[in-house]
């Protein structure tokens, strides 16, 4: 048997082990584009759980530990690999619900439940990936139980790890691209590191220490606290404490509707968002102690935050809104202020992109909240959820603008307290075109169809550089070479950025193309971008309207949109 404290330590060890080895997992990525790789995304997802687990006391149950892990990974999931990892542990948690301790049979059932949840969530499961590694590990655990009269925890765990490592070794046989590159699947390798980290504790070797030093905390430029709120100092603020917390629900927790009703009776600006394991709550109140005390009746609390709104008011008056925004960005760059739904407003928009120029463009097109992220840094489910909750509309459209962010956006949708429609835009140009085709008078379903139909008609070209040597898709690539990608596939390599832009644009443009938009990146000056777009106008023969936008995006020297 293992208890909740042992499982807690095992999961902390898993997070440490993956964080220590994430760079080696990133290096398994066969696609040579510099990006937010698998190891980084999986590590950030699991480490989101580590922060919560470190607050769990000794004496916690297996069910509590698994529930905290699943909830934290759900909110912290980044990229497709991170989302799949969170789904594995979400299923794991469901199978351990109500358990004080776990025996080998419970671990096998939990792993099987996690595999089932992950496979169900992926529209077209691909074998030779993390899914296969987890499935084979689960099958090995089941076979061990069937063949053993007195199963032991150490024994079943060895079978799980042997199964995972054997499946990982065979992934190149299932995915030719891995075989050609001479590597195993990165997601599967990351999952093996998670299992190995857990086993270190279960077999008695203790928690694997984290070798990476935490980043130094930046000093905030906001005012220091000035003491207890006094309503007489600012009569416009009647409920002076912004109070937020997450309830990790008990098995017999009362309905979240009752908590919402209580919060509305003691404050305003109430939001209560519930899923199967947690209740995320926000309220402005004059008595945060009463709120916290009442919420404890629903389960134990994490992520508690109480802010004195009068201090915030004084800081704005004394230092100006610009400094306040700077302070907020330093403390939590992905945090968005909550806004209650305005019944008079039908639609709102959230977009993901990287680069000031692109963010400004989406703002001009009507996007309310821009989540910073993209190829180099996939935002978490919680970052997208916060952005959604900041838009005071009954229906919020989300444009991920990257195929590796769509799953995280879809996970955020059911957690919101308003309707969320995820438009599966795979590139920034697709997102821009989708916004241009929004009809404010149209119904949700009609807009959803029209916006995606327009987005699907956009061809996207990308000009970047090779981050590593690679033999990919028939191309022998050297680190530093210029890469030209058309609709996600490598088209050719080159030695000159400008020549690559011209060649790729000519390949993309057809006789039916009418509009070409060139988005220049952060490593290209606005003047260079203008000159490049003028060259395109001349070389393409003048049959298309060519425009230039200085997007300021990282990684990509240019993005080319052809419609």
Protein backbone atom coordinates (compact mmCIF):
# COMPACT_ATOMS: atom_id res chain seq x y z
CA UNK A 1 0.00 0.00 0.00
CA UNK A 2 1.01 3.61 -0.49
CA UNK A 3 -0.60 6.53 1.32
CA UNK A 4 -1.33 10.04 0.15
CA UNK A 5 1.94 11.47 1.46
CA UNK A 6 3.93 8.85 -0.47
CA UNK A 7 2.00 9.57 -3.67
CA UNK A 8 2.50 13.31 -3.09
CA UNK A 9 6.27 12.88 -2.74
CA UNK A 10 6.34 10.57 -5.77
CA UNK A 11 4.66 13.19 -7.94
CA UNK A 12 6.96 15.94 -6.68
CA UNK A 13 9.89 13.67 -7.54
CA UNK A 14 8.40 13.11 -11.00
CA UNK A 15 8.16 16.86 -11.59
CA UNK A 16 11.77 17.35 -10.47
CA UNK A 17 13.04 14.52 -12.65
CA UNK A 18 11.28 15.83 -15.75
CA UNK A 19 12.44 19.37 -15.08
CA UNK A 20 16.03 18.15 -14.76
CA UNK A 21 15.78 16.25 -18.06
CA UNK A 22 13.48 18.50 -20.10
CA UNK A 23 16.31 19.78 -22.33
CA UNK A 24 17.18 16.23 -23.39
CA UNK A 25 13.50 15.62 -24.20
CA UNK A 26 13.36 18.86 -26.20
CA UNK A 27 16.32 17.66 -28.27
CA UNK A 28 14.29 14.65 -29.45
CA UNK A 29 12.00 16.95 -31.41
CA UNK A 30 12.65 16.00 -35.03
CA UNK A 31 11.14 19.19 -36.41
CA UNK A 32 14.08 21.63 -36.59
CA UNK A 33 12.10 24.85 -36.00
CA UNK A 34 13.00 26.64 -32.74
CA UNK A 35 9.90 26.36 -30.59
CA UNK A 36 8.37 25.55 -27.21
CA UNK A 37 9.30 21.87 -27.32
CA UNK A 38 7.73 18.80 -25.77
CA UNK A 39 9.98 18.57 -22.73
CA UNK A 40 9.40 22.20 -21.81
CA UNK A 41 5.63 21.95 -22.19
CA UNK A 42 5.36 18.70 -20.22
CA UNK A 43 7.66 20.00 -17.49
CA UNK A 44 5.69 23.22 -17.06
CA UNK A 45 2.47 21.20 -16.89
CA UNK A 46 3.74 18.79 -14.22
CA UNK A 47 5.49 21.56 -12.27
CA UNK A 48 2.15 23.38 -12.00
CA UNK A 49 1.05 20.39 -9.92
CA UNK A 50 4.27 20.38 -7.92
CA UNK A 51 3.57 23.85 -6.56
CA UNK A 52 0.18 22.66 -5.25
CA UNK A 53 1.50 19.34 -3.94
CA UNK A 54 4.20 21.03 -1.88
CA UNK A 55 1.42 22.65 0.16
CA UNK A 56 -0.29 19.34 0.98
CA UNK A 57 0.31 18.24 4.58
CA UNK A 58 1.32 14.78 5.76
CA UNK A 59 -1.74 12.67 6.38
CA UNK A 60 -3.43 13.57 3.11
CA UNK A 61 -5.24 10.75 1.34
CA UNK A 62 -4.36 9.20 -1.99
CA UNK A 63 -7.60 10.65 -3.39
CA UNK A 64 -6.73 14.18 -2.24
CA UNK A 65 -3.23 13.97 -3.70
CA UNK A 66 -4.49 12.70 -7.06
CA UNK A 67 -7.25 15.31 -7.15
CA UNK A 68 -4.86 18.19 -6.46
CA UNK A 69 -2.53 16.88 -9.17
CA UNK A 70 -5.26 16.55 -11.78
CA UNK A 71 -6.75 19.97 -11.09
CA UNK A 72 -3.39 21.74 -11.16
CA UNK A 73 -2.31 20.00 -14.36
CA UNK A 74 -5.64 20.82 -15.98
CA UNK A 75 -5.07 24.54 -15.37
CA UNK A 76 -1.34 24.46 -16.07
CA UNK A 77 -1.40 22.32 -19.23
CA UNK A 78 0.68 23.72 -22.11
CA UNK A 79 0.89 22.37 -25.63
CA UNK A 80 -0.59 19.13 -26.89
CA UNK A 81 1.92 17.02 -24.95
CA UNK A 82 1.07 18.88 -21.73
CA UNK A 83 -2.67 18.53 -22.30
CA UNK A 84 -2.33 14.77 -22.91
CA UNK A 85 -0.24 14.46 -19.74
CA UNK A 86 -2.92 16.31 -17.79
CA UNK A 87 -5.60 14.01 -19.23
CA UNK A 88 -3.64 10.92 -18.15
CA UNK A 89 -3.55 12.21 -14.57
CA UNK A 90 -7.16 13.37 -14.71
CA UNK A 91 -8.23 9.80 -15.43
CA UNK A 92 -5.75 8.58 -12.81
CA UNK A 93 -7.46 10.81 -10.24
CA UNK A 94 -10.97 9.61 -11.09
CA UNK A 95 -10.01 5.98 -10.44
CA UNK A 96 -8.52 6.88 -7.05
CA UNK A 97 -11.53 8.92 -5.87
CA UNK A 98 -12.41 8.11 -2.27
CA UNK A 99 -9.23 6.09 -1.64
CA UNK A 100 -7.32 6.68 1.58
CA UNK A 101 -4.49 4.39 0.48
CA UNK A 102 -3.75 2.60 -2.78
CA UNK A 103 -2.69 -0.96 -3.41
CA UNK A 104 -1.26 -2.38 -6.66
CA UNK A 105 -4.72 -3.08 -8.07
CA UNK A 106 -5.67 0.59 -7.55
CA UNK A 107 -2.56 1.82 -9.36
CA UNK A 108 -3.28 -0.46 -12.32
CA UNK A 109 -6.89 0.71 -12.46
CA UNK A 110 -5.84 4.37 -12.19
CA UNK A 111 -3.33 4.04 -15.02
CA UNK A 112 -5.92 2.29 -17.20
CA UNK A 113 -8.41 5.06 -16.46
CA UNK A 114 -5.86 7.70 -17.44
CA UNK A 115 -5.08 5.98 -20.72
CA UNK A 116 -8.79 5.71 -21.54
CA UNK A 117 -9.32 9.43 -20.81
CA UNK A 118 -6.37 10.47 -22.98
CA UNK A 119 -7.35 8.30 -25.95
CA UNK A 120 -10.94 9.55 -25.84
CA UNK A 121 -9.85 13.19 -25.88
CA UNK A 122 -7.64 12.88 -28.96
CA UNK A 123 -9.67 12.94 -32.17
CA UNK A 124 -7.21 10.83 -34.18
CA UNK A 125 -4.86 9.00 -31.76
CA UNK A 126 -1.43 8.36 -33.28
CA UNK A 127 0.47 5.27 -32.20
CA UNK A 128 4.17 5.65 -31.51
CA UNK A 129 3.53 8.58 -29.17
CA UNK A 130 3.01 9.18 -25.45
CA UNK A 131 -0.40 7.51 -25.84
CA UNK A 132 1.21 4.24 -26.88
CA UNK A 133 3.80 4.38 -24.11
CA UNK A 134 1.12 4.94 -21.46
CA UNK A 135 -1.16 2.25 -22.92
CA UNK A 136 1.55 -0.44 -23.01
CA UNK A 137 2.60 0.45 -19.46
CA UNK A 138 -1.02 0.01 -18.38
CA UNK A 139 -1.31 -3.33 -20.18
CA UNK A 140 1.88 -4.54 -18.47
CA UNK A 141 0.40 -3.63 -15.08
CA UNK A 142 -2.78 -5.56 -15.87
CA UNK A 143 -0.78 -8.62 -17.01
CA UNK A 144 1.25 -8.55 -13.81
CA UNK A 145 -1.90 -8.58 -11.69
CA UNK A 146 -3.36 -11.46 -13.69
CA UNK A 147 -0.21 -13.56 -13.22
CA UNK A 148 0.52 -12.76 -9.56
CA UNK A 149 -1.38 -14.04 -6.57
CA UNK A 150 0.14 -11.57 -4.11
CA UNK A 151 1.02 -8.42 -6.11
CA UNK A 152 3.42 -5.93 -4.57
CA UNK A 153 3.75 -2.21 -5.18
CA UNK A 154 7.40 -2.47 -6.15
CA UNK A 155 6.62 -5.34 -8.50
CA UNK A 156 3.82 -3.64 -10.37
CA UNK A 157 5.78 -0.43 -10.67
CA UNK A 158 8.73 -2.27 -12.24
CA UNK A 159 6.33 -3.76 -14.78
CA UNK A 160 4.88 -0.35 -15.54
CA UNK A 161 8.32 1.16 -16.16
CA UNK A 162 9.53 -1.84 -18.17
CA UNK A 163 6.41 -1.65 -20.32
CA UNK A 164 6.79 2.09 -20.88
CA UNK A 165 10.47 1.85 -21.78
CA UNK A 166 9.85 -1.10 -24.12
CA UNK A 167 7.05 0.79 -25.87
CA UNK A 168 9.26 3.88 -26.11
CA UNK A 169 12.04 1.86 -27.77
CA UNK A 170 9.58 0.68 -30.43
CA UNK A 171 8.14 4.12 -31.28
CA UNK A 172 10.51 4.56 -34.27
CA UNK A 173 8.99 1.42 -35.79
CA UNK A 174 5.54 3.04 -35.62
CA UNK A 175 6.51 6.51 -36.82
CA UNK A 176 8.90 6.55 -39.80
CA UNK A 177 9.88 10.16 -39.12
CA UNK A 178 11.38 9.03 -35.79
CA UNK A 179 13.24 6.15 -37.42
CA UNK A 180 14.75 8.44 -40.04
CA UNK A 181 15.90 10.90 -37.40
CA UNK A 182 17.20 8.11 -35.17
CA UNK A 183 15.22 9.19 -32.10
CA UNK A 184 12.35 7.96 -29.92
CA UNK A 185 9.13 9.89 -29.34
CA UNK A 186 9.69 12.96 -27.16
CA UNK A 187 6.32 12.77 -25.36
CA UNK A 188 6.83 9.10 -24.59
CA UNK A 189 10.30 9.83 -23.24
CA UNK A 190 8.90 12.57 -21.02
CA UNK A 191 6.28 10.18 -19.63
CA UNK A 192 9.01 7.63 -18.86
CA UNK A 193 10.87 10.31 -16.89
CA UNK A 194 7.67 11.00 -14.93
CA UNK A 195 7.28 7.31 -14.07
CA UNK A 196 10.95 7.02 -13.11
CA UNK A 197 10.66 10.02 -10.80
CA UNK A 198 7.64 8.49 -9.08
CA UNK A 199 9.33 5.10 -8.70
CA UNK A 200 12.33 6.66 -6.93
CA UNK A 201 10.04 7.47 -3.99
CA UNK A 202 7.93 4.29 -4.17
CA UNK A 203 11.01 2.04 -4.04
CA UNK A 204 12.38 3.97 -1.06
CA UNK A 205 15.13 6.08 -2.63
CA UNK A 206 13.42 9.36 -1.79
CA UNK A 207 12.51 12.45 -3.82
CA UNK A 208 14.78 13.20 -6.76
CA UNK A 209 16.06 16.74 -6.07
CA UNK A 210 15.44 19.53 -8.56
CA UNK A 211 18.75 20.62 -10.09
CA UNK A 212 17.40 23.82 -11.66
CA UNK A 213 17.56 26.85 -9.40
CA UNK A 214 14.31 28.85 -9.24
CA UNK A 215 14.29 32.14 -11.13
CA UNK A 216 14.87 35.17 -8.88
CA UNK A 217 11.66 36.96 -8.01
CA UNK A 218 11.46 40.43 -9.50
CA UNK A 219 10.81 43.33 -7.21
CA UNK A 220 7.38 44.81 -7.69
CA UNK A 221 7.10 48.51 -8.40
CA UNK A 222 3.69 48.62 -6.74
CA UNK A 223 3.23 50.36 -3.37
CA UNK A 224 3.83 48.30 -0.26
CA UNK A 225 0.79 47.48 1.90
CA UNK A 226 -0.61 50.29 4.01
CA UNK A 227 -2.68 48.31 6.48
CA UNK A 228 -6.34 47.50 6.98
CA UNK A 229 -8.90 48.83 4.53
CA UNK A 230 -10.87 51.82 5.75
CA UNK A 231 -14.05 52.44 3.77
CA UNK A 232 -14.15 56.09 4.85
CA UNK A 233 -10.96 56.81 2.90
CA UNK A 234 -12.63 55.92 -0.39
CA UNK A 235 -16.42 55.75 -0.10
CA UNK A 236 -16.76 54.49 -3.69
CA UNK A 237 -15.37 51.11 -2.60
CA UNK A 238 -17.87 49.38 -0.30
CA UNK A 239 -16.51 45.83 -0.63
CA UNK A 240 -12.84 46.53 -0.27
CA UNK A 241 -11.16 43.14 -0.52
CA UNK A 242 -10.76 41.30 -3.82
CA UNK A 243 -10.84 37.68 -2.63
CA UNK A 244 -9.95 34.70 -4.81
CA UNK A 245 -9.43 31.02 -4.00
CA UNK A 246 -9.81 27.51 -5.34
CA UNK A 247 -11.82 24.93 -3.43
CA UNK A 248 -10.61 21.36 -3.87
CA UNK A 249 -13.98 19.74 -3.26
CA UNK A 250 -14.77 17.10 -0.66
CA UNK A 251 -16.60 13.98 -1.80
CA UNK A 252 -19.74 15.29 -0.06
CA UNK A 253 -19.18 18.94 -0.95
CA UNK A 254 -22.36 21.05 -1.18
CA UNK A 255 -23.43 22.43 -4.53
CA UNK A 256 -21.37 25.28 -5.98
CA UNK A 257 -24.67 27.12 -6.44
CA UNK A 258 -24.91 27.40 -2.65
CA UNK A 259 -21.42 28.88 -2.48
CA UNK A 260 -22.35 31.35 -5.23
CA UNK A 261 -25.49 32.38 -3.34
CA UNK A 262 -23.49 32.95 -0.15
CA UNK A 263 -20.86 35.04 -1.93
CA UNK A 264 -23.56 37.18 -3.52
CA UNK A 265 -25.01 37.79 -0.07
CA UNK A 266 -21.70 39.11 1.33
CA UNK A 267 -20.18 40.87 -1.69
CA UNK A 268 -20.31 41.68 -5.39
CA UNK A 269 -18.47 40.87 -8.64
CA UNK A 270 -19.03 37.20 -7.87
CA UNK A 271 -17.77 34.43 -10.13
CA UNK A 272 -17.95 30.73 -9.30
CA UNK A 273 -16.57 28.28 -11.87
CA UNK A 274 -16.88 24.55 -11.14
CA UNK A 275 -15.58 21.33 -12.62
CA UNK A 276 -15.56 17.82 -11.18
CA UNK A 277 -12.71 18.47 -8.71
CA UNK A 278 -12.53 22.21 -8.01
CA UNK A 279 -14.57 25.37 -7.52
CA UNK A 280 -12.74 28.53 -8.63
CA UNK A 281 -14.16 31.56 -6.83
CA UNK A 282 -13.85 35.34 -6.95
CA UNK A 283 -15.68 37.98 -4.91
CA UNK A 284 -15.29 41.59 -3.75
CA UNK A 285 -16.23 41.65 -0.07
CA UNK A 286 -15.86 43.69 3.11
CA UNK A 287 -15.13 40.57 5.20
CA UNK A 288 -12.76 38.09 3.49
CA UNK A 289 -12.45 36.11 6.73
CA UNK A 290 -16.15 35.24 6.62
CA UNK A 291 -15.80 34.16 2.98
CA UNK A 292 -12.79 31.91 3.65
CA UNK A 293 -14.42 30.37 6.73
CA UNK A 294 -17.59 29.53 4.80
CA UNK A 295 -15.68 28.13 1.80
CA UNK A 296 -13.85 25.64 4.03
CA UNK A 297 -17.13 23.78 4.33
CA UNK A 298 -16.78 22.76 0.68
CA UNK A 299 -13.22 21.39 0.81
CA UNK A 300 -9.67 22.55 1.37
CA UNK A 301 -8.48 25.80 -0.21
CA UNK A 302 -5.52 26.62 -2.44
CA UNK A 303 -4.36 29.61 -4.51
CA UNK A 304 -5.86 32.03 -1.99
CA UNK A 305 -5.35 35.71 -2.78
CA UNK A 306 -6.77 38.70 -0.91
CA UNK A 307 -5.99 42.17 -2.22
CA UNK A 308 -6.79 45.47 -0.56
CA UNK A 309 -8.61 47.42 -3.26
CA UNK A 310 -8.09 50.70 -1.46
CA UNK A 311 -4.32 50.20 -1.72
CA UNK A 312 -4.76 49.58 -5.42
CA UNK A 313 -6.78 52.79 -5.70
CA UNK A 314 -4.11 54.82 -3.88
CA UNK A 315 -1.35 53.29 -6.00
CA UNK A 316 -3.14 54.32 -9.17
CA UNK A 317 -3.65 57.83 -7.86
CA UNK A 318 -0.06 58.22 -6.71
CA UNK A 319 1.84 56.47 -9.47
CA UNK A 320 -0.47 56.50 -12.49
CA UNK A 321 -1.99 53.70 -14.46
CA UNK A 322 1.13 53.08 -16.52
CA UNK A 323 3.24 52.16 -13.50
CA UNK A 324 0.46 49.97 -12.12
CA UNK A 325 0.29 48.04 -15.37
CA UNK A 326 4.05 47.60 -15.27
CA UNK A 327 3.85 46.23 -11.74
CA UNK A 328 1.07 43.84 -12.64
CA UNK A 329 3.02 42.58 -15.65
CA UNK A 330 6.09 41.92 -13.49
CA UNK A 331 4.12 40.03 -10.86
CA UNK A 332 1.95 37.96 -13.21
CA UNK A 333 2.32 38.66 -16.91
CA UNK A 334 -0.51 36.31 -17.93
CA UNK A 335 -3.14 37.49 -15.45
CA UNK A 336 -6.30 39.19 -16.71
CA UNK A 337 -8.85 41.00 -14.52
CA UNK A 338 -12.18 39.25 -14.13
CA UNK A 339 -15.23 40.89 -15.72
CA UNK A 340 -18.82 39.85 -15.09
CA UNK A 341 -20.94 39.01 -18.12
CA UNK A 342 -22.74 42.00 -19.62
CA UNK A 343 -26.09 40.73 -20.91
CA UNK A 344 -26.20 43.54 -23.47
CA UNK A 345 -23.00 42.31 -25.13
CA UNK A 346 -23.37 39.26 -27.35
CA UNK A 347 -19.81 38.58 -28.50
CA UNK A 348 -16.22 38.94 -27.37
CA UNK A 349 -12.85 37.64 -28.58
CA UNK A 350 -9.61 36.20 -27.21
CA UNK A 351 -6.61 35.66 -29.45
CA UNK A 352 -3.18 34.10 -28.91
CA UNK A 353 -0.15 35.63 -30.59
CA UNK A 354 3.38 36.84 -29.93
CA UNK A 355 4.61 40.27 -31.01
CA UNK A 356 3.42 43.80 -30.26
CA UNK A 357 2.46 44.47 -33.87
CA UNK A 358 0.29 41.36 -34.06
CA UNK A 359 -1.31 42.14 -30.70
CA UNK A 360 -2.15 45.65 -31.91
CA UNK A 361 -3.56 44.27 -35.16
CA UNK A 362 -5.88 41.87 -33.34
CA UNK A 363 -6.95 44.72 -31.07
CA UNK A 364 -7.85 46.82 -34.10
CA UNK A 365 -9.89 43.91 -35.45
CA UNK A 366 -11.96 43.77 -32.27
CA UNK A 367 -10.14 41.26 -30.07
CA UNK A 368 -10.68 42.05 -26.38
CA UNK A 369 -7.83 40.08 -24.78
CA UNK A 370 -4.58 38.90 -26.35
CA UNK A 371 -2.73 36.04 -24.66
CA UNK A 372 0.99 36.27 -25.28
CA UNK A 373 2.21 33.03 -26.77
CA UNK A 374 2.72 31.00 -29.89
CA UNK A 375 5.38 28.71 -31.26
CA UNK A 376 8.06 29.57 -28.72
CA UNK A 377 5.83 29.55 -25.64
CA UNK A 378 2.49 27.77 -25.57
CA UNK A 379 0.20 29.45 -22.99
CA UNK A 380 -1.44 27.38 -20.28
CA UNK A 381 -5.08 26.44 -20.07
CA UNK A 382 -5.39 28.78 -17.07
CA UNK A 383 -3.93 31.75 -19.00
CA UNK A 384 -6.52 31.27 -21.73
CA UNK A 385 -9.28 30.83 -19.15
CA UNK A 386 -8.30 34.07 -17.39
CA UNK A 387 -8.40 35.92 -20.70
CA UNK A 388 -11.86 34.52 -21.44
CA UNK A 389 -13.10 35.54 -18.01
CA UNK A 390 -11.89 39.10 -18.62
CA UNK A 391 -14.20 39.55 -21.62
CA UNK A 392 -17.71 40.66 -20.47
CA UNK A 393 -19.60 38.96 -23.29
CA UNK A 394 -22.15 36.15 -23.29
CA UNK A 395 -20.20 34.27 -25.98
CA UNK A 396 -16.42 34.48 -26.30
CA UNK A 397 -14.64 33.24 -29.42
CA UNK A 398 -11.08 31.99 -28.84
CA UNK A 399 -8.52 31.95 -31.64
CA UNK A 400 -5.49 29.79 -30.66
CA UNK A 401 -3.64 30.54 -33.94
CA UNK A 402 -1.35 27.54 -33.40
CA UNK A 403 -2.12 23.83 -33.71
CA UNK A 404 -0.25 23.16 -30.45
CA UNK A 405 -2.52 25.52 -28.49
CA UNK A 406 -5.94 24.31 -29.68
CA UNK A 407 -6.23 21.52 -27.09
CA UNK A 408 -5.36 23.86 -24.20
CA UNK A 409 -8.03 26.31 -25.42
CA UNK A 410 -10.59 23.52 -25.64
CA UNK A 411 -9.77 22.49 -22.05
CA UNK A 412 -10.40 26.07 -20.89
CA UNK A 413 -13.86 26.26 -22.46
CA UNK A 414 -15.84 24.12 -19.94
CA UNK A 415 -14.20 25.90 -16.99
CA UNK A 416 -15.55 29.33 -17.97
CA UNK A 417 -18.79 30.85 -16.62
CA UNK A 418 -19.80 32.04 -20.10
CA UNK A 419 -20.16 30.35 -23.46
CA UNK A 420 -16.81 29.73 -25.18
CA UNK A 421 -16.37 28.81 -28.83
CA UNK A 422 -12.89 27.70 -29.83
CA UNK A 423 -12.13 28.39 -33.50
CA UNK A 424 -9.31 25.93 -34.36
CA UNK A 425 -7.14 28.45 -36.19
CA UNK A 426 -3.69 26.97 -36.75
CA UNK A 427 -1.80 30.14 -37.76
CA UNK A 428 -1.91 33.87 -37.10
CA UNK A 429 -2.97 34.67 -40.69
CA UNK A 430 -5.91 32.30 -40.25
CA UNK A 431 -6.86 34.14 -37.06
CA UNK A 432 -6.71 37.52 -38.78
CA UNK A 433 -8.92 36.34 -41.64
CA UNK A 434 -11.38 34.76 -39.22
CA UNK A 435 -11.77 38.10 -37.43
CA UNK A 436 -12.28 39.94 -40.71
CA UNK A 437 -15.19 37.61 -41.50
CA UNK A 438 -17.05 38.04 -38.21
CA UNK A 439 -20.64 39.25 -38.55
CA UNK A 440 -21.82 41.10 -35.39
CA UNK A 441 -25.45 40.49 -36.39
CA UNK A 442 -25.00 36.78 -37.13
CA UNK A 443 -25.83 33.84 -34.88
CA UNK A 444 -23.06 32.01 -33.01
CA UNK A 445 -23.20 28.89 -35.17
CA UNK A 446 -23.28 30.88 -38.41
CA UNK A 447 -20.29 32.97 -37.35
CA UNK A 448 -18.42 29.86 -36.26
CA UNK A 449 -18.91 28.30 -39.69
CA UNK A 450 -18.21 31.45 -41.72
CA UNK A 451 -15.10 32.44 -39.77
CA UNK A 452 -13.55 28.97 -40.04
CA UNK A 453 -14.50 28.60 -43.70
CA UNK A 454 -12.64 31.84 -44.38
CA UNK A 455 -9.68 30.79 -42.21
CA UNK A 456 -9.39 27.45 -43.99
CA UNK A 457 -9.03 29.32 -47.27
CA UNK A 458 -5.82 31.00 -46.10
CA UNK A 459 -2.40 29.59 -47.02
CA UNK A 460 0.34 30.39 -44.52
CA UNK A 461 4.04 30.55 -45.30
CA UNK A 462 6.73 30.84 -42.64
CA UNK A 463 10.37 31.83 -42.94
CA UNK A 464 12.56 30.86 -40.00
CA UNK A 465 15.90 29.15 -39.24
CA UNK A 466 16.97 25.64 -38.28
CA UNK A 467 17.62 25.32 -34.57
CA UNK A 468 19.45 22.02 -34.98
CA UNK A 469 20.91 19.66 -37.55
CA UNK A 470 18.18 17.39 -38.85
CA UNK A 471 17.21 14.91 -41.53
CA UNK A 472 13.56 15.81 -41.93
CA UNK A 473 10.96 15.07 -44.59
CA UNK A 474 13.56 14.32 -47.25
CA UNK A 475 15.72 17.34 -46.42
CA UNK A 476 19.18 17.22 -44.85
CA UNK A 477 19.17 20.37 -42.74
CA UNK A 478 22.09 22.13 -41.11
CA UNK A 479 21.74 24.27 -38.02
CA UNK A 480 21.30 27.93 -38.99
CA UNK A 481 19.91 27.28 -42.49
CA UNK A 482 16.84 29.23 -43.55
CA UNK A 483 13.67 27.14 -43.55
CA UNK A 484 10.59 27.82 -45.67
CA UNK A 485 7.36 26.19 -44.50
CA UNK A 486 4.09 26.10 -46.41
CA UNK A 487 0.97 25.28 -44.38
CA UNK A 488 3.04 23.56 -41.69
CA UNK A 489 5.17 21.46 -44.04
CA UNK A 490 8.80 22.08 -44.90
CA UNK A 491 8.93 23.32 -48.50
CA UNK A 492 12.67 23.95 -48.94
CA UNK A 493 15.80 25.31 -47.30
CA UNK A 494 17.78 28.35 -48.37
CA UNK A 495 20.76 30.45 -47.41
CA UNK A 496 19.15 33.91 -47.79
CA UNK A 497 15.99 35.16 -46.06
CA UNK A 498 14.95 37.49 -48.91
CA UNK A 499 15.39 34.82 -51.57
CA UNK A 500 13.39 32.36 -49.47
CA UNK A 501 10.52 34.86 -49.11
CA UNK A 502 10.30 35.39 -52.87
CA UNK A 503 10.51 31.70 -53.72
CA UNK A 504 7.94 30.69 -51.11
CA UNK A 505 5.48 33.44 -52.09
CA UNK A 506 5.71 32.43 -55.76
CA UNK A 507 5.05 28.80 -54.79
CA UNK A 508 2.00 29.80 -52.74
CA UNK A 509 0.34 32.25 -55.11
CA UNK A 510 -2.09 30.87 -57.70
CA UNK A 511 -4.10 32.52 -60.46
CA UNK A 512 -7.00 32.81 -58.00
CA UNK A 513 -4.96 34.54 -55.28
CA UNK A 514 -6.00 38.13 -54.70
CA UNK A 515 -4.35 39.18 -51.41
CA UNK A 516 -0.84 38.64 -50.06
CA UNK A 517 0.04 39.91 -46.59
CA UNK A 518 3.63 39.94 -45.35
CA UNK A 519 4.14 39.96 -41.55
CA UNK A 520 7.70 40.93 -40.60
CA UNK A 521 9.20 39.66 -37.34
CA UNK A 522 11.15 41.17 -34.47
CA UNK A 523 14.50 40.57 -36.21
CA UNK A 524 13.37 42.55 -39.27
CA UNK A 525 13.10 46.33 -39.22
CA UNK A 526 9.90 47.96 -40.41
CA UNK A 527 11.83 49.54 -43.27
CA UNK A 528 13.22 46.14 -44.34
CA UNK A 529 9.71 44.71 -44.24
CA UNK A 530 8.37 47.51 -46.43
CA UNK A 531 11.18 47.00 -48.92
CA UNK A 532 10.51 43.24 -48.98
CA UNK A 533 6.80 43.79 -49.63
CA UNK A 534 7.59 46.22 -52.48
CA UNK A 535 9.88 43.61 -54.02
CA UNK A 536 7.04 41.07 -53.77
CA UNK A 537 4.68 43.44 -55.58
CA UNK A 538 7.11 43.69 -58.47
CA UNK A 539 8.11 40.02 -58.65
CA UNK A 540 4.54 38.70 -58.36
CA UNK A 541 3.50 40.75 -61.36
CA UNK A 542 1.00 43.09 -59.77
CA UNK A 543 -2.01 40.78 -60.00
CA UNK A 544 -2.30 40.55 -56.21
CA UNK A 545 -2.73 43.22 -53.57
CA UNK A 546 0.42 43.01 -51.39
CA UNK A 547 0.37 44.58 -47.91
CA UNK A 548 2.91 44.67 -45.09
CA UNK A 549 2.35 44.48 -41.32
CA UNK A 550 5.22 44.75 -38.86
CA UNK A 551 4.09 41.96 -36.54
CA UNK A 552 7.18 41.83 -34.35
CA UNK A 553 6.80 38.05 -33.90
CA UNK A 554 9.76 36.03 -32.58
CA UNK A 555 11.30 33.04 -34.38
CA UNK A 556 9.80 33.82 -37.79
CA UNK A 557 11.54 36.42 -39.93
CA UNK A 558 8.40 36.59 -42.06
CA UNK A 559 4.92 35.10 -42.16
CA UNK A 560 3.17 35.12 -45.54
CA UNK A 561 -0.59 35.02 -45.87
CA UNK A 562 -2.12 34.23 -49.26
CA UNK A 563 -5.86 34.43 -49.91
